[in-house]
Amino acid sequence: MKIKHINLDVCKAKAGIRTDTELSKRTGISRTTLINYRDKRKFCSITLKNLMFLCSILNCKIEDLVEFEY
C-alpha cells in the first residue's frame, strides 16, 4: 500500500482554515511539519498523535486526508 495523494489543503479549506499558521496554532504541530506533510515521503513519518490532531481539527476521517493506492 502506497500513499497516492495527500489532501491536506482540501481538508483545511473545507474546515474554513485559511493558513498553515492557523492550523499550526490549533493543532500544536509546527508550520514546518505541516508543510512537510504535503510530501508523500515525509507524510509517512507522521505520528498517530499528529494524525489524530489533524483529523479532529479538520473534522475529517483519515481516508479524507490521505488517499492510498493498493
Protein backbone atom coordinates (compact mmCIF):
# COMPACT_ATOMS: atom_id res chain seq x y z
CA MET A 1 0.00 0.00 0.00
CA LYS A 2 1.35 3.41 -1.00
CA ILE A 3 0.17 6.95 -0.44
CA LYS A 4 -1.42 8.19 -3.64
CA HIS A 5 -2.30 11.74 -2.60
CA ILE A 6 -2.40 13.93 0.49
CA ASN A 7 -5.48 16.17 0.69
CA LEU A 8 -4.32 18.45 3.49
CA ASP A 9 -5.16 21.67 1.63
CA VAL A 10 -8.62 20.39 0.60
CA CYS A 11 -9.48 19.32 4.14
CA LYS A 12 -8.11 22.57 5.51
CA ALA A 13 -10.30 24.61 3.13
CA LYS A 14 -13.41 22.58 3.98
CA ALA A 15 -12.75 23.27 7.66
CA GLY A 16 -12.51 27.00 6.96
CA ILE A 17 -8.85 27.19 7.92
CA ARG A 18 -7.00 29.54 5.62
CA THR A 19 -3.35 29.24 6.57
CA ASP A 20 -0.82 26.75 7.85
CA THR A 21 -0.13 29.18 10.68
CA GLU A 22 -3.75 28.96 11.83
CA LEU A 23 -3.71 25.15 11.58
CA SER A 24 -0.44 25.08 13.48
CA LYS A 25 -1.89 27.15 16.31
CA ARG A 26 -4.96 24.90 16.54
CA THR A 27 -3.08 21.60 16.46
CA GLY A 28 0.24 22.44 18.09
CA ILE A 29 2.00 20.97 15.04
CA SER A 30 4.75 23.25 13.76
CA ARG A 31 4.19 25.06 10.49
CA THR A 32 7.31 23.45 9.04
CA THR A 33 5.99 19.99 9.87
CA LEU A 34 2.64 20.78 8.27
CA ILE A 35 4.41 21.92 5.12
CA ASN A 36 6.49 18.73 5.12
CA TYR A 37 3.33 16.61 5.36
CA ARG A 38 2.44 17.65 1.80
CA ASP A 39 5.35 15.47 0.63
CA LYS A 40 4.30 11.81 0.41
CA ARG A 41 7.68 10.58 1.64
CA LYS A 42 7.65 12.86 4.67
CA PHE A 43 3.99 12.18 5.43
CA CYS A 44 4.94 8.56 6.08
CA SER A 45 6.68 9.71 9.25
CA ILE A 46 3.52 11.30 10.72
CA THR A 47 2.81 10.26 14.28
CA LEU A 48 -0.55 8.85 15.25
CA LYS A 49 -0.94 11.76 17.65
CA ASN A 50 -0.47 14.32 14.85
CA LEU A 51 -2.74 12.40 12.50
CA MET A 52 -5.49 12.37 15.13
CA PHE A 53 -5.00 16.10 15.86
CA LEU A 54 -5.32 16.91 12.16
CA CYS A 55 -8.42 14.78 11.68
CA SER A 56 -10.02 16.22 14.80
CA ILE A 57 -9.36 19.87 13.94
CA LEU A 58 -10.20 19.41 10.26
CA ASN A 59 -13.30 17.36 11.13
CA CYS A 60 -12.37 14.63 8.67
CA LYS A 61 -11.51 10.95 8.52
CA ILE A 62 -8.05 9.59 7.77
CA GLU A 63 -9.22 8.47 4.33
CA ASP A 64 -10.37 12.06 3.61
CA LEU A 65 -6.88 13.32 4.41
CA VAL A 66 -4.87 10.60 2.67
CA GLU A 67 -5.64 8.60 -0.46
CA PHE A 68 -3.98 5.20 -0.61
CA GLU A 69 -3.01 3.15 -3.63
CA TYR A 70 -3.32 -0.60 -3.23
